[in-house]
């Protein structure tokens, strides 16, 4: 069953306001547990983690910035 546009907008907002900050805190905590790697390795890890968080949510964020396709125009 496909998720409605309205629910995808709400879910994307929840992910961005709650999930992303939590993910950032977790990522920084994990990096801090390890011994400080070189600057380039650390940059590569943060870039990789910055892309990986969005991959599972691609279907939710796709088309969110567009007009509501379910809404009928008068």
N, C-alpha and C. Protein backbone atom coordinates (compact mmCIF):
# COMPACT_ATOMS: atom_id res chain seq x y z
N UNK A 1 0.84 -1.18 0.00
CA UNK A 1 0.00 0.00 0.00
C UNK A 1 0.89 1.24 0.00
N UNK A 2 0.74 2.12 -1.01
CA UNK A 2 1.59 3.31 -1.06
C UNK A 2 1.22 4.30 0.04
N UNK A 3 2.22 5.01 0.48
CA UNK A 3 2.05 6.01 1.53
C UNK A 3 1.58 7.31 0.86
N UNK A 4 0.59 7.96 1.44
CA UNK A 4 0.06 9.18 0.84
C UNK A 4 1.09 10.30 0.91
N UNK A 5 0.89 11.28 0.04
CA UNK A 5 1.79 12.43 -0.03
C UNK A 5 1.83 13.17 1.31
N UNK A 6 0.66 13.36 1.90
CA UNK A 6 0.57 14.08 3.18
C UNK A 6 1.35 13.35 4.28
N UNK A 7 1.22 12.02 4.32
CA UNK A 7 1.96 11.25 5.33
C UNK A 7 3.46 11.25 5.05
N UNK A 8 3.85 11.24 3.78
CA UNK A 8 5.28 11.31 3.45
C UNK A 8 5.86 12.64 3.88
N UNK A 9 5.08 13.73 3.71
CA UNK A 9 5.56 15.06 4.16
C UNK A 9 5.75 15.08 5.66
N UNK A 10 4.80 14.54 6.39
CA UNK A 10 4.92 14.50 7.86
C UNK A 10 6.10 13.64 8.29
N UNK A 11 6.25 12.48 7.66
CA UNK A 11 7.33 11.58 8.01
C UNK A 11 8.69 12.20 7.67
N UNK A 12 8.78 12.89 6.54
CA UNK A 12 10.05 13.53 6.19
C UNK A 12 10.40 14.63 7.18
N UNK A 13 9.41 15.38 7.63
CA UNK A 13 9.66 16.41 8.64
C UNK A 13 10.14 15.79 9.95
N UNK A 14 9.51 14.70 10.36
CA UNK A 14 9.93 14.00 11.57
C UNK A 14 11.37 13.48 11.44
N UNK A 15 11.68 12.92 10.29
CA UNK A 15 13.04 12.41 10.06
C UNK A 15 14.06 13.54 10.13
N UNK A 16 13.74 14.68 9.52
CA UNK A 16 14.69 15.79 9.50
C UNK A 16 14.84 16.48 10.85
N UNK A 17 13.75 16.56 11.61
CA UNK A 17 13.81 17.27 12.88
C UNK A 17 14.27 16.42 14.06
N UNK A 18 14.01 15.11 14.00
CA UNK A 18 14.36 14.23 15.11
C UNK A 18 15.45 13.23 14.71
N UNK A 19 15.24 12.57 13.58
CA UNK A 19 16.15 11.50 13.16
C UNK A 19 17.53 11.98 12.77
N UNK A 20 17.61 13.04 11.99
CA UNK A 20 18.91 13.54 11.53
C UNK A 20 19.78 14.05 12.68
N UNK A 21 19.26 14.86 13.59
CA UNK A 21 20.11 15.26 14.73
C UNK A 21 20.55 14.06 15.58
N UNK A 22 19.68 13.09 15.77
CA UNK A 22 20.07 11.90 16.53
C UNK A 22 21.17 11.13 15.79
N UNK A 23 21.04 11.03 14.47
CA UNK A 23 22.06 10.35 13.67
C UNK A 23 23.40 11.08 13.76
N UNK A 24 23.37 12.41 13.74
CA UNK A 24 24.60 13.18 13.84
C UNK A 24 25.28 12.95 15.19
N UNK A 25 24.49 12.96 16.26
CA UNK A 25 25.05 12.72 17.60
C UNK A 25 25.67 11.32 17.67
N UNK A 26 24.99 10.34 17.12
CA UNK A 26 25.51 8.97 17.14
C UNK A 26 26.80 8.87 16.32
N UNK A 27 26.81 9.49 15.13
CA UNK A 27 28.00 9.43 14.27
C UNK A 27 29.20 10.09 14.95
N UNK A 28 29.00 11.25 15.55
CA UNK A 28 30.11 11.94 16.23
C UNK A 28 30.58 11.15 17.44
N UNK A 29 29.64 10.54 18.16
CA UNK A 29 30.01 9.73 19.32
C UNK A 29 30.85 8.52 18.91
N UNK A 30 30.45 7.85 17.84
CA UNK A 30 31.21 6.69 17.37
C UNK A 30 32.60 7.11 16.92
N UNK A 31 32.71 8.22 16.20
CA UNK A 31 34.03 8.70 15.77
C UNK A 31 34.89 9.05 16.98
N UNK A 32 34.29 9.62 18.02
CA UNK A 32 35.06 9.98 19.21
C UNK A 32 35.53 8.77 20.00
N UNK A 33 34.79 7.66 19.91
CA UNK A 33 35.24 6.44 20.60
C UNK A 33 36.52 5.89 20.00
N UNK A 34 36.67 6.08 18.71
CA UNK A 34 37.89 5.62 18.04
C UNK A 34 39.00 6.62 18.31
N UNK A 35 40.21 6.15 18.17
CA UNK A 35 41.31 7.10 18.27
C UNK A 35 41.20 8.05 17.11
N UNK A 36 41.59 9.27 17.31
CA UNK A 36 41.43 10.30 16.26
C UNK A 36 42.21 9.89 15.01
N UNK A 37 41.46 9.63 13.92
CA UNK A 37 42.16 9.29 12.67
C UNK A 37 42.72 10.54 12.01
N UNK A 38 43.44 10.35 10.93
CA UNK A 38 43.99 11.51 10.23
C UNK A 38 42.83 12.34 9.69
N UNK A 39 43.12 13.57 9.37
CA UNK A 39 42.10 14.51 8.93
C UNK A 39 41.38 14.03 7.67
N UNK A 40 42.13 13.48 6.72
CA UNK A 40 41.51 13.00 5.48
C UNK A 40 40.61 11.79 5.72
N UNK A 41 41.03 10.89 6.59
CA UNK A 41 40.21 9.72 6.90
C UNK A 41 38.94 10.16 7.62
N UNK A 42 39.08 11.07 8.55
CA UNK A 42 37.92 11.58 9.28
C UNK A 42 36.95 12.28 8.33
N UNK A 43 37.46 13.09 7.42
CA UNK A 43 36.63 13.77 6.43
C UNK A 43 35.90 12.76 5.54
N UNK A 44 36.60 11.73 5.12
CA UNK A 44 35.99 10.69 4.29
C UNK A 44 34.88 9.96 5.04
N UNK A 45 35.10 9.66 6.30
CA UNK A 45 34.08 8.97 7.12
C UNK A 45 32.84 9.85 7.26
N UNK A 46 33.03 11.14 7.56
CA UNK A 46 31.90 12.04 7.71
C UNK A 46 31.14 12.23 6.39
N UNK A 47 31.87 12.32 5.27
CA UNK A 47 31.21 12.42 3.98
C UNK A 47 30.40 11.17 3.66
N UNK A 48 30.97 10.02 3.94
CA UNK A 48 30.26 8.75 3.71
C UNK A 48 29.03 8.65 4.59
N UNK A 49 29.16 8.99 5.86
CA UNK A 49 28.01 8.95 6.76
C UNK A 49 26.96 9.99 6.38
N UNK A 50 27.40 11.11 5.83
CA UNK A 50 26.48 12.14 5.40
C UNK A 50 25.60 11.72 4.24
N UNK A 51 26.10 10.84 3.41
CA UNK A 51 25.32 10.32 2.29
C UNK A 51 24.51 9.10 2.71
N UNK A 52 25.08 8.25 3.52
CA UNK A 52 24.41 6.99 3.88
C UNK A 52 23.12 7.17 4.67
N UNK A 53 22.99 8.24 5.44
CA UNK A 53 21.79 8.40 6.25
C UNK A 53 20.55 8.56 5.39
N UNK A 54 20.70 9.16 4.23
CA UNK A 54 19.54 9.46 3.39
C UNK A 54 19.11 8.30 2.51
N UNK A 55 19.95 7.35 2.26
CA UNK A 55 19.61 6.26 1.34
C UNK A 55 18.37 5.47 1.75
N UNK A 56 18.19 5.10 3.01
CA UNK A 56 16.98 4.35 3.36
C UNK A 56 15.70 5.18 3.23
N UNK A 57 15.82 6.50 3.22
CA UNK A 57 14.64 7.36 3.20
C UNK A 57 14.40 7.99 1.83
N UNK A 58 15.07 7.51 0.82
CA UNK A 58 14.97 8.09 -0.52
C UNK A 58 13.52 8.11 -1.01
N UNK A 59 12.78 7.04 -0.79
CA UNK A 59 11.40 6.96 -1.28
C UNK A 59 10.49 7.95 -0.54
N UNK A 60 10.85 8.32 0.68
CA UNK A 60 10.03 9.26 1.45
C UNK A 60 10.28 10.69 0.96
N UNK A 61 11.54 11.04 0.71
CA UNK A 61 11.88 12.40 0.33
C UNK A 61 11.61 12.70 -1.14
N UNK A 62 11.47 11.69 -1.96
CA UNK A 62 11.30 11.89 -3.40
C UNK A 62 9.99 12.62 -3.69
N UNK A 63 10.06 13.79 -4.31
CA UNK A 63 8.90 14.55 -4.72
C UNK A 63 8.25 15.38 -3.64
N UNK A 64 8.84 15.47 -2.46
CA UNK A 64 8.24 16.21 -1.35
C UNK A 64 8.19 17.71 -1.65
N UNK A 65 9.13 18.23 -2.39
CA UNK A 65 9.15 19.65 -2.70
C UNK A 65 8.17 20.06 -3.79
N UNK A 66 7.53 19.10 -4.43
CA UNK A 66 6.58 19.38 -5.50
C UNK A 66 5.19 19.65 -4.94
N UNK A 67 4.31 20.09 -5.79
CA UNK A 67 2.91 20.29 -5.39
C UNK A 67 2.28 18.93 -5.10
N UNK A 68 1.26 18.93 -4.24
CA UNK A 68 0.58 17.71 -3.84
C UNK A 68 -0.11 17.07 -5.05
N UNK A 69 0.32 15.89 -5.48
CA UNK A 69 -0.30 15.25 -6.65
C UNK A 69 -1.70 14.70 -6.35
N UNK A 70 -2.03 14.51 -5.08
CA UNK A 70 -3.34 13.97 -4.70
C UNK A 70 -4.40 15.06 -4.63
N UNK A 71 -3.97 16.30 -4.60
CA UNK A 71 -4.91 17.43 -4.45
C UNK A 71 -5.49 17.79 -5.81
N UNK A 72 -6.78 17.88 -5.89
CA UNK A 72 -7.42 18.24 -7.15
C UNK A 72 -7.52 19.77 -7.24
N UNK A 73 -7.20 20.30 -8.39
CA UNK A 73 -7.26 21.75 -8.63
C UNK A 73 -8.71 22.16 -8.93
N UNK A 74 -9.17 23.29 -8.39
CA UNK A 74 -10.54 23.73 -8.68
C UNK A 74 -10.69 24.31 -10.07
